[in-house]
PDB file of all heavy atoms in Angstrom:
ATOM      1  N   LEU A   1       0.852  -1.200   0.006  1.00  0.00           N
ATOM      2  CA  LEU A   1      -0.007  -0.005  -0.003  1.00  0.00           C
ATOM      3  C   LEU A   1       0.871   1.256  -0.033  1.00  0.00           C
ATOM      4  O   LEU A   1       1.947   1.256   0.583  1.00  0.00           O
ATOM      5  CB  LEU A   1      -0.897   0.019   1.247  1.00  0.00           C
ATOM      6  CG  LEU A   1      -2.034  -1.014   1.272  1.00  0.00           C
ATOM      7  CD1 LEU A   1      -2.764  -0.952   2.609  1.00  0.00           C
ATOM      8  CD2 LEU A   1      -3.039  -0.772   0.137  1.00  0.00           C
ATOM      9  N   PRO A   2       0.464   2.329  -0.668  1.00  0.00           N
ATOM     10  CA  PRO A   2       1.240   3.565  -0.652  1.00  0.00           C
ATOM     11  C   PRO A   2       1.382   4.172   0.712  1.00  0.00           C
ATOM     12  O   PRO A   2       0.517   3.899   1.593  1.00  0.00           O
ATOM     13  CB  PRO A   2       0.470   4.467  -1.610  1.00  0.00           C
ATOM     14  CG  PRO A   2      -0.915   3.937  -1.616  1.00  0.00           C
ATOM     15  CD  PRO A   2      -0.786   2.466  -1.422  1.00  0.00           C
ATOM     16  N   GLU A   3       2.397   4.978   0.935  1.00  0.00           N
ATOM     17  CA  GLU A   3       2.605   5.567   2.266  1.00  0.00           C
ATOM     18  C   GLU A   3       1.542   6.608   2.597  1.00  0.00           C
ATOM     19  O   GLU A   3       1.186   6.739   3.774  1.00  0.00           O
ATOM     20  CB  GLU A   3       4.020   6.240   2.286  1.00  0.00           C
ATOM     21  CG  GLU A   3       5.161   5.294   2.205  1.00  0.00           C
ATOM     22  CD  GLU A   3       5.263   4.399   3.432  1.00  0.00           C
ATOM     23  OE1 GLU A   3       4.832   4.841   4.497  1.00  0.00           O
ATOM     24  OE2 GLU A   3       5.749   3.282   3.291  1.00  0.00           O
ATOM     25  N   ASP A   4       1.028   7.296   1.609  1.00  0.00           N
ATOM     26  CA  ASP A   4       0.009   8.323   1.903  1.00  0.00           C
ATOM     27  C   ASP A   4      -1.381   7.674   1.970  1.00  0.00           C
ATOM     28  O   ASP A   4      -1.707   6.758   1.241  1.00  0.00           O
ATOM     29  CB  ASP A   4       0.014   9.416   0.778  1.00  0.00           C
ATOM     30  CG  ASP A   4      -0.241   8.817  -0.564  1.00  0.00           C
ATOM     31  OD1 ASP A   4       0.340   7.784  -0.888  1.00  0.00           O
ATOM     32  OD2 ASP A   4      -1.067   9.392  -1.327  1.00  0.00           O
ATOM     33  N   ASP A   5      -2.191   8.192   2.889  1.00  0.00           N
ATOM     34  CA  ASP A   5      -3.536   7.676   3.066  1.00  0.00           C
ATOM     35  C   ASP A   5      -4.456   8.377   2.093  1.00  0.00           C
ATOM     36  O   ASP A   5      -4.949   9.490   2.339  1.00  0.00           O
ATOM     37  CB  ASP A   5      -4.013   7.898   4.504  1.00  0.00           C
ATOM     38  CG  ASP A   5      -3.203   7.099   5.513  1.00  0.00           C
ATOM     39  OD1 ASP A   5      -2.776   6.017   5.130  1.00  0.00           O
ATOM     40  OD2 ASP A   5      -3.042   7.559   6.656  1.00  0.00           O
ATOM     41  N   ARG A   6      -4.748   7.752   0.977  1.00  0.00           N
ATOM     42  CA  ARG A   6      -5.573   8.347  -0.032  1.00  0.00           C
ATOM     43  C   ARG A   6      -7.047   8.333   0.374  1.00  0.00           C
ATOM     44  O   ARG A   6      -7.506   7.325   0.916  1.00  0.00           O
ATOM     45  CB  ARG A   6      -5.363   7.636  -1.359  1.00  0.00           C
ATOM     46  CG  ARG A   6      -3.940   7.677  -1.843  1.00  0.00           C
ATOM     47  CD  ARG A   6      -3.714   6.832  -3.117  1.00  0.00           C
ATOM     48  NE  ARG A   6      -2.326   6.874  -3.534  1.00  0.00           N
ATOM     49  CZ  ARG A   6      -1.843   6.183  -4.535  1.00  0.00           C
ATOM     50  NH1 ARG A   6      -2.639   5.350  -5.247  1.00  0.00           N
ATOM     51  NH2 ARG A   6      -0.566   6.212  -4.814  1.00  0.00           N
ATOM     52  N   PRO A   7      -7.766   9.375   0.096  1.00  0.00           N
ATOM     53  CA  PRO A   7      -9.193   9.419   0.500  1.00  0.00           C
ATOM     54  C   PRO A   7     -10.016   8.256  -0.042  1.00  0.00           C
ATOM     55  O   PRO A   7     -10.918   7.781   0.633  1.00  0.00           O
ATOM     56  CB  PRO A   7      -9.687  10.754  -0.087  1.00  0.00           C
ATOM     57  CG  PRO A   7      -8.450  11.605  -0.217  1.00  0.00           C
ATOM     58  CD  PRO A   7      -7.353  10.658  -0.522  1.00  0.00           C
ATOM     59  N   ALA A   8      -9.679   7.802  -1.255  1.00  0.00           N
ATOM     60  CA  ALA A   8     -10.463   6.697  -1.870  1.00  0.00           C
ATOM     61  C   ALA A   8     -10.366   5.447  -1.013  1.00  0.00           C
ATOM     62  O   ALA A   8     -11.272   4.620  -1.032  1.00  0.00           O
ATOM     63  CB  ALA A   8      -9.961   6.445  -3.270  1.00  0.00           C
ATOM     64  N   PHE A   9      -9.240   5.254  -0.270  1.00  0.00           N
ATOM     65  CA  PHE A   9      -9.115   4.065   0.549  1.00  0.00           C
ATOM     66  C   PHE A   9     -10.165   4.020   1.636  1.00  0.00           C
ATOM     67  O   PHE A   9     -10.454   2.946   2.163  1.00  0.00           O
ATOM     68  CB  PHE A   9      -7.709   4.015   1.184  1.00  0.00           C
ATOM     69  CG  PHE A   9      -6.609   3.767   0.196  1.00  0.00           C
ATOM     70  CD1 PHE A   9      -5.291   3.854   0.561  1.00  0.00           C
ATOM     71  CD2 PHE A   9      -6.912   3.465  -1.163  1.00  0.00           C
ATOM     72  CE1 PHE A   9      -4.267   3.625  -0.343  1.00  0.00           C
ATOM     73  CE2 PHE A   9      -5.915   3.194  -2.066  1.00  0.00           C
ATOM     74  CZ  PHE A   9      -4.597   3.297  -1.661  1.00  0.00           C
ATOM     75  N   PHE A  10     -10.649   5.174   2.044  1.00  0.00           N
ATOM     76  CA  PHE A  10     -11.659   5.250   3.109  1.00  0.00           C
ATOM     77  C   PHE A  10     -13.067   5.567   2.572  1.00  0.00           C
ATOM     78  O   PHE A  10     -13.968   5.918   3.373  1.00  0.00           O
ATOM     79  CB  PHE A  10     -11.232   6.319   4.116  1.00  0.00           C
ATOM     80  CG  PHE A  10      -9.885   6.074   4.686  1.00  0.00           C
ATOM     81  CD1 PHE A  10      -8.737   6.694   4.136  1.00  0.00           C
ATOM     82  CD2 PHE A  10      -9.697   5.285   5.776  1.00  0.00           C
ATOM     83  CE1 PHE A  10      -7.507   6.466   4.647  1.00  0.00           C
ATOM     84  CE2 PHE A  10      -8.440   5.030   6.317  1.00  0.00           C
ATOM     85  CZ  PHE A  10      -7.316   5.627   5.751  1.00  0.00           C
ATOM     86  N   GLY A  11     -13.222   5.411   1.270  1.00  0.00           N
ATOM     87  CA  GLY A  11     -14.544   5.656   0.682  1.00  0.00           C
ATOM     88  C   GLY A  11     -14.905   7.165   0.663  1.00  0.00           C
ATOM     89  O   GLY A  11     -16.082   7.497   0.638  1.00  0.00           O
ATOM     90  N   LEU A  12     -13.919   8.011   0.705  1.00  0.00           N
ATOM     91  CA  LEU A  12     -14.134   9.459   0.687  1.00  0.00           C
ATOM     92  C   LEU A  12     -13.919  10.034  -0.678  1.00  0.00           C
ATOM     93  O   LEU A  12     -13.068   9.500  -1.442  1.00  0.00           O
ATOM     94  CB  LEU A  12     -13.246  10.134   1.722  1.00  0.00           C
ATOM     95  CG  LEU A  12     -13.432   9.679   3.178  1.00  0.00           C
ATOM     96  CD1 LEU A  12     -12.373  10.307   4.076  1.00  0.00           C
ATOM     97  CD2 LEU A  12     -14.814  10.057   3.697  1.00  0.00           C
ATOM     98  N   PRO A  13     -14.569  11.161  -1.026  1.00  0.00           N
ATOM     99  CA  PRO A  13     -14.327  11.775  -2.365  1.00  0.00           C
ATOM    100  C   PRO A  13     -12.911  12.387  -2.376  1.00  0.00           C
ATOM    101  O   PRO A  13     -12.310  12.734  -1.360  1.00  0.00           O
ATOM    102  CB  PRO A  13     -15.374  12.884  -2.418  1.00  0.00           C
ATOM    103  CG  PRO A  13     -15.725  13.137  -0.993  1.00  0.00           C
ATOM    104  CD  PRO A  13     -15.614  11.845  -0.251  1.00  0.00           C
ATOM    105  N   ALA A  14     -12.356  12.494  -3.595  1.00  0.00           N
ATOM    106  CA  ALA A  14     -11.015  12.989  -3.790  1.00  0.00           C
ATOM    107  C   ALA A  14     -10.823  14.412  -3.281  1.00  0.00           C
ATOM    108  O   ALA A  14      -9.743  14.810  -2.800  1.00  0.00           O
ATOM    109  CB  ALA A  14     -10.616  12.879  -5.262  1.00  0.00           C
ATOM    110  N   ASN A  15     -11.885  15.247  -3.387  1.00  0.00           N
ATOM    111  CA  ASN A  15     -11.732  16.667  -3.026  1.00  0.00           C
ATOM    112  C   ASN A  15     -11.648  16.851  -1.495  1.00  0.00           C
ATOM    113  O   ASN A  15     -11.374  17.974  -1.012  1.00  0.00           O
ATOM    114  CB  ASN A  15     -12.897  17.496  -3.573  1.00  0.00           C
ATOM    115  CG  ASN A  15     -14.208  17.076  -3.066  1.00  0.00           C
ATOM    116  OD1 ASN A  15     -14.318  16.110  -2.321  1.00  0.00           O
ATOM    117  ND2 ASN A  15     -15.272  17.758  -3.498  1.00  0.00           N
ATOM    118  N   ILE A  16     -11.884  15.777  -0.720  1.00  0.00           N
ATOM    119  CA  ILE A  16     -11.758  15.913   0.722  1.00  0.00           C
ATOM    120  C   ILE A  16     -10.327  16.154   1.111  1.00  0.00           C
ATOM    121  O   ILE A  16     -10.035  16.801   2.155  1.00  0.00           O
ATOM    122  CB  ILE A  16     -12.320  14.633   1.434  1.00  0.00           C
ATOM    123  CG1 ILE A  16     -12.604  14.902   2.896  1.00  0.00           C
ATOM    124  CG2 ILE A  16     -11.321  13.491   1.312  1.00  0.00           C
ATOM    125  CD1 ILE A  16     -13.806  15.832   3.140  1.00  0.00           C
ATOM    126  N   GLU A  17      -9.405  15.707   0.292  1.00  0.00           N
ATOM    127  CA  GLU A  17      -7.974  15.914   0.561  1.00  0.00           C
ATOM    128  C   GLU A  17      -7.653  17.412   0.450  1.00  0.00           C
ATOM    129  O   GLU A  17      -6.803  17.928   1.230  1.00  0.00           O
ATOM    130  CB  GLU A  17      -7.111  15.118  -0.370  1.00  0.00           C
ATOM    131  CG  GLU A  17      -5.645  15.157  -0.032  1.00  0.00           C
ATOM    132  CD  GLU A  17      -4.832  14.187  -0.867  1.00  0.00           C
ATOM    133  OE1 GLU A  17      -5.401  13.595  -1.786  1.00  0.00           O
ATOM    134  OE2 GLU A  17      -3.647  14.005  -0.569  1.00  0.00           O
ATOM    135  N   ARG A  18      -8.286  18.115  -0.465  1.00  0.00           N
ATOM    136  CA  ARG A  18      -8.059  19.533  -0.604  1.00  0.00           C
ATOM    137  C   ARG A  18      -8.528  20.292   0.649  1.00  0.00           C
ATOM    138  O   ARG A  18      -7.811  21.194   1.102  1.00  0.00           O
ATOM    139  CB  ARG A  18      -8.821  20.096  -1.825  1.00  0.00           C
ATOM    140  CG  ARG A  18      -8.647  21.555  -2.084  1.00  0.00           C
ATOM    141  CD  ARG A  18      -9.445  22.026  -3.321  1.00  0.00           C
ATOM    142  NE  ARG A  18      -9.009  21.312  -4.498  1.00  0.00           N
ATOM    143  CZ  ARG A  18      -9.602  21.484  -5.683  1.00  0.00           C
ATOM    144  NH1 ARG A  18     -10.627  22.294  -5.780  1.00  0.00           N
ATOM    145  NH2 ARG A  18      -9.166  20.813  -6.749  1.00  0.00           N
ATOM    146  N   SER A  19      -9.681  19.892   1.189  1.00  0.00           N
ATOM    147  CA  SER A  19     -10.144  20.495   2.420  1.00  0.00           C
ATOM    148  C   SER A  19      -9.171  20.267   3.580  1.00  0.00           C
ATOM    149  O   SER A  19      -8.851  21.210   4.346  1.00  0.00           O
ATOM    150  CB  SER A  19     -11.521  19.978   2.789  1.00  0.00           C
ATOM    151  OG  SER A  19     -12.438  20.245   1.753  1.00  0.00           O
ATOM    152  N   SER A  20      -8.666  19.061   3.679  1.00  0.00           N
ATOM    153  CA  SER A  20      -7.697  18.738   4.707  1.00  0.00           C
ATOM    154  C   SER A  20      -6.426  19.551   4.563  1.00  0.00           C
ATOM    155  O   SER A  20      -5.870  20.085   5.517  1.00  0.00           O
ATOM    156  CB  SER A  20      -7.363  17.242   4.666  1.00  0.00           C
ATOM    157  OG  SER A  20      -6.344  16.901   5.587  1.00  0.00           O
ATOM    158  N   GLN A  21      -5.944  19.714   3.314  1.00  0.00           N
ATOM    159  CA  GLN A  21      -4.746  20.484   3.044  1.00  0.00           C
ATOM    160  C   GLN A  21      -4.965  21.963   3.450  1.00  0.00           C
ATOM    161  O   GLN A  21      -4.050  22.617   3.890  1.00  0.00           O
ATOM    162  CB  GLN A  21      -4.333  20.350   1.604  1.00  0.00           C
ATOM    163  CG  GLN A  21      -3.815  18.956   1.235  1.00  0.00           C
ATOM    164  CD  GLN A  21      -3.534  18.803  -0.250  1.00  0.00           C
ATOM    165  OE1 GLN A  21      -3.908  19.657  -1.050  1.00  0.00           O
ATOM    166  NE2 GLN A  21      -2.841  17.738  -0.619  1.00  0.00           N
ATOM    167  N   ARG A  22      -6.145  22.483   3.160  1.00  0.00           N
ATOM    168  CA  ARG A  22      -6.441  23.861   3.500  1.00  0.00           C
ATOM    169  C   ARG A  22      -6.389  24.099   5.033  1.00  0.00           C
ATOM    170  O   ARG A  22      -5.840  25.079   5.487  1.00  0.00           O
ATOM    171  CB  ARG A  22      -7.805  24.265   2.993  1.00  0.00           C
ATOM    172  CG  ARG A  22      -7.850  24.488   1.459  1.00  0.00           C
ATOM    173  CD  ARG A  22      -9.254  24.829   1.001  1.00  0.00           C
ATOM    174  NE  ARG A  22      -9.287  25.161  -0.411  1.00  0.00           N
ATOM    175  CZ  ARG A  22     -10.408  25.436  -1.083  1.00  0.00           C
ATOM    176  NH1 ARG A  22     -11.567  25.396  -0.470  1.00  0.00           N
ATOM    177  NH2 ARG A  22     -10.344  25.665  -2.374  1.00  0.00           N
ATOM    178  N   ILE A  23      -6.952  23.144   5.752  1.00  0.00           N
ATOM    179  CA  ILE A  23      -6.946  23.238   7.196  1.00  0.00           C
ATOM    180  C   ILE A  23      -5.493  23.203   7.717  1.00  0.00           C
ATOM    181  O   ILE A  23      -5.123  24.012   8.604  1.00  0.00           O
ATOM    182  CB  ILE A  23      -7.781  22.102   7.842  1.00  0.00           C
ATOM    183  CG1 ILE A  23      -9.235  22.294   7.472  1.00  0.00           C
ATOM    184  CG2 ILE A  23      -7.636  22.083   9.362  1.00  0.00           C
ATOM    185  CD1 ILE A  23     -10.153  21.135   7.934  1.00  0.00           C
ATOM    186  N   ILE A  24      -4.739  22.240   7.235  1.00  0.00           N
ATOM    187  CA  ILE A  24      -3.308  22.121   7.676  1.00  0.00           C
ATOM    188  C   ILE A  24      -2.553  23.376   7.291  1.00  0.00           C
ATOM    189  O   ILE A  24      -1.738  23.859   8.054  1.00  0.00           O
ATOM    190  CB  ILE A  24      -2.696  20.850   7.039  1.00  0.00           C
ATOM    191  CG1 ILE A  24      -3.387  19.601   7.590  1.00  0.00           C
ATOM    192  CG2 ILE A  24      -1.205  20.815   7.331  1.00  0.00           C
ATOM    193  CD1 ILE A  24      -2.911  18.323   6.942  1.00  0.00           C
ATOM    194  N   SER A  25      -2.810  23.919   6.085  1.00  0.00           N
ATOM    195  CA  SER A  25      -2.102  25.112   5.652  1.00  0.00           C
ATOM    196  C   SER A  25      -2.429  26.280   6.584  1.00  0.00           C
ATOM    197  O   SER A  25      -1.541  27.073   6.918  1.00  0.00           O
ATOM    198  CB  SER A  25      -2.500  25.451   4.203  1.00  0.00           C
ATOM    199  OG  SER A  25      -2.116  24.448   3.316  1.00  0.00           O
ATOM    200  N   SER A  26      -3.697  26.423   6.976  1.00  0.00           N
ATOM    201  CA  SER A  26      -4.073  27.487   7.870  1.00  0.00           C
ATOM    202  C   SER A  26      -3.372  27.389   9.191  1.00  0.00           C
ATOM    203  O   SER A  26      -2.938  28.377   9.817  1.00  0.00           O
ATOM    204  CB  SER A  26      -5.606  27.481   8.054  1.00  0.00           C
ATOM    205  OG  SER A  26      -6.283  27.746   6.834  1.00  0.00           O
ATOM    206  N   GLN A  27      -3.237  26.127   9.669  1.00  0.00           N
ATOM    207  CA  GLN A  27      -2.564  25.918  10.960  1.00  0.00           C
ATOM    208  C   GLN A  27      -1.076  26.290  10.849  1.00  0.00           C
ATOM    209  O   GLN A  27      -0.537  26.902  11.777  1.00  0.00           O
ATOM    210  CB  GLN A  27      -2.720  24.441  11.407  1.00  0.00           C
ATOM    211  CG  GLN A  27      -4.174  24.080  11.771  1.00  0.00           C
ATOM    212  CD  GLN A  27      -4.315  22.598  12.046  1.00  0.00           C
ATOM    213  OE1 GLN A  27      -3.467  21.783  11.698  1.00  0.00           O
ATOM    214  NE2 GLN A  27      -5.421  22.243  12.637  1.00  0.00           N
ATOM    215  N   VAL A  28      -0.475  25.895   9.727  1.00  0.00           N
ATOM    216  CA  VAL A  28       0.935  26.221   9.529  1.00  0.00           C
ATOM    217  C   VAL A  28       1.178  27.733   9.424  1.00  0.00           C
ATOM    218  O   VAL A  28       2.112  28.244  10.023  1.00  0.00           O
ATOM    219  CB  VAL A  28       1.505  25.509   8.266  1.00  0.00           C
ATOM    220  CG1 VAL A  28       2.901  25.994   7.943  1.00  0.00           C
ATOM    221  CG2 VAL A  28       1.474  23.998   8.449  1.00  0.00           C
ATOM    222  N   ILE A  29       0.295  28.396   8.670  1.00  0.00           N
ATOM    223  CA  ILE A  29       0.372  29.849   8.557  1.00  0.00           C
ATOM    224  C   ILE A  29       0.284  30.510   9.918  1.00  0.00           C
ATOM    225  O   ILE A  29       0.975  31.464  10.238  1.00  0.00           O
ATOM    226  CB  ILE A  29      -0.633  30.386   7.574  1.00  0.00           C
ATOM    227  CG1 ILE A  29      -0.344  29.900   6.155  1.00  0.00           C
ATOM    228  CG2 ILE A  29      -0.693  31.909   7.609  1.00  0.00           C
ATOM    229  CD1 ILE A  29      -1.404  30.215   5.146  1.00  0.00           C
ATOM    230  N   SER A  30      -0.698  30.034  10.717  1.00  0.00           N
ATOM    231  CA  SER A  30      -0.912  30.596  12.027  1.00  0.00           C
ATOM    232  C   SER A  30       0.295  30.419  12.917  1.00  0.00           C
ATOM    233  O   SER A  30       0.747  31.326  13.616  1.00  0.00           O
ATOM    234  CB  SER A  30      -2.131  29.921  12.692  1.00  0.00           C
ATOM    235  OG  SER A  30      -2.329  30.418  14.003  1.00  0.00           O
ATOM    236  N   GLN A  31       0.950  29.216  12.812  1.00  0.00           N
ATOM    237  CA  GLN A  31       2.142  28.966  13.632  1.00  0.00           C
ATOM    238  C   GLN A  31       3.303  29.792  13.120  1.00  0.00           C
ATOM    239  O   GLN A  31       4.112  30.328  13.948  1.00  0.00           O
ATOM    240  CB  GLN A  31       2.492  27.493  13.549  1.00  0.00           C
ATOM    241  CG  GLN A  31       1.457  26.607  14.237  1.00  0.00           C
ATOM    242  CD  GLN A  31       1.694  25.138  13.955  1.00  0.00           C
ATOM    243  OE1 GLN A  31       2.543  24.765  13.123  1.00  0.00           O
ATOM    244  NE2 GLN A  31       0.934  24.277  14.587  1.00  0.00           N
ATOM    245  N   LEU A  32       3.430  30.010  11.827  1.00  0.00           N
ATOM    246  CA  LEU A  32       4.489  30.860  11.277  1.00  0.00           C
ATOM    247  C   LEU A  32       4.340  32.331  11.718  1.00  0.00           C
ATOM    248  O   LEU A  32       5.326  32.983  11.951  1.00  0.00           O
ATOM    249  CB  LEU A  32       4.504  30.780   9.737  1.00  0.00           C
ATOM    250  CG  LEU A  32       4.977  29.457   9.145  1.00  0.00           C
ATOM    251  CD1 LEU A  32       4.830  29.456   7.631  1.00  0.00           C
ATOM    252  CD2 LEU A  32       6.419  29.174   9.533  1.00  0.00           C
ATOM    253  N   ARG A  33       3.072  32.767  11.827  1.00  0.00           N
ATOM    254  CA  ARG A  33       2.882  34.143  12.309  1.00  0.00           C
ATOM    255  C   ARG A  33       3.327  34.312  13.724  1.00  0.00           C
ATOM    256  O   ARG A  33       3.901  35.366  14.117  1.00  0.00           O
ATOM    257  CB  ARG A  33       1.368  34.473  12.207  1.00  0.00           C
ATOM    258  CG  ARG A  33       0.874  34.706  10.748  1.00  0.00           C
ATOM    259  CD  ARG A  33      -0.603  34.923  10.676  1.00  0.00           C
ATOM    260  NE  ARG A  33      -1.007  35.253   9.314  1.00  0.00           N
ATOM    261  CZ  ARG A  33      -2.297  35.292   8.937  1.00  0.00           C
ATOM    262  NH1 ARG A  33      -3.253  35.056   9.822  1.00  0.00           N
ATOM    263  NH2 ARG A  33      -2.565  35.587   7.671  1.00  0.00           N
ATOM    264  N   VAL A  34       3.124  33.268  14.523  1.00  0.00           N
ATOM    265  CA  VAL A  34       3.624  33.363  15.897  1.00  0.00           C
ATOM    266  C   VAL A  34       5.126  33.361  15.951  1.00  0.00           C
ATOM    267  O   VAL A  34       5.741  34.144  16.658  1.00  0.00           O
ATOM    268  CB  VAL A  34       3.074  32.127  16.741  1.00  0.00           C
ATOM    269  CG1 VAL A  34       3.693  32.121  18.116  1.00  0.00           C
ATOM    270  CG2 VAL A  34       1.556  32.208  16.833  1.00  0.00           C
ATOM    271  N   LEU A  35       5.768  32.537  15.123  1.00  0.00           N
ATOM    272  CA  LEU A  35       7.199  32.490  15.062  1.00  0.00           C
ATOM    273  C   LEU A  35       7.813  33.744  14.471  1.00  0.00           C
ATOM    274  O   LEU A  35       8.941  34.071  14.774  1.00  0.00           O
ATOM    275  CB  LEU A  35       7.662  31.263  14.235  1.00  0.00           C
ATOM    276  CG  LEU A  35       7.349  29.893  14.838  1.00  0.00           C
ATOM    277  CD1 LEU A  35       7.742  28.813  13.868  1.00  0.00           C
ATOM    278  CD2 LEU A  35       8.058  29.718  16.147  1.00  0.00           C
ATOM    279  N   SER A  36       7.034  34.437  13.626  1.00  0.00           N
ATOM    280  CA  SER A  36       7.535  35.626  12.961  1.00  0.00           C
ATOM    281  C   SER A  36       7.640  36.802  13.902  1.00  0.00           C
ATOM    282  O   SER A  36       8.305  37.789  13.606  1.00  0.00           O
ATOM    283  CB  SER A  36       6.659  36.009  11.785  1.00  0.00           C
ATOM    284  OG  SER A  36       5.361  36.426  12.211  1.00  0.00           O
ATOM    285  N   ARG A  37       6.955  36.705  15.052  1.00  0.00           N
ATOM    286  CA  ARG A  37       7.104  37.788  16.028  1.00  0.00           C
ATOM    287  C   ARG A  37       8.567  37.849  16.499  1.00  0.00           C
ATOM    288  O   ARG A  37       9.201  36.835  16.721  1.00  0.00           O
ATOM    289  CB  ARG A  37       6.174  37.576  17.244  1.00  0.00           C
ATOM    290  CG  ARG A  37       4.715  37.554  16.894  1.00  0.00           C
ATOM    291  CD  ARG A  37       3.881  37.594  18.184  1.00  0.00           C
ATOM    292  NE  ARG A  37       2.491  37.426  17.918  1.00  0.00           N
ATOM    293  CZ  ARG A  37       1.852  36.262  18.122  1.00  0.00           C
ATOM    294  NH1 ARG A  37       2.506  35.220  18.627  1.00  0.00           N
ATOM    295  NH2 ARG A  37       0.582  36.152  17.852  1.00  0.00           N
ATOM    296  N   SER A  38       9.014  39.015  16.714  1.00  0.00           N
ATOM    297  CA  SER A  38      10.403  39.192  17.122  1.00  0.00           C
ATOM    298  C   SER A  38      10.642  38.525  18.468  1.00  0.00           C
ATOM    299  O   SER A  38       9.908  38.748  19.404  1.00  0.00           O
ATOM    300  CB  SER A  38      10.741  40.694  17.252  1.00  0.00           C
ATOM    301  OG  SER A  38      12.025  40.889  17.751  1.00  0.00           O
TER     302      SER A  38
END
C-alpha cells in the first residue's frame, strides 16, 4: 500500500484531501505568524 492515506481508501471523495490540506495550511500559517514575532 502507498505511504500516503488516499481518500479513496476510506470511501471518501477525492476533493476531501483539498479541504484537509487547507486546514493544515491554515494551521501552519498561524504557527508561522507566531514564530515571525520578534
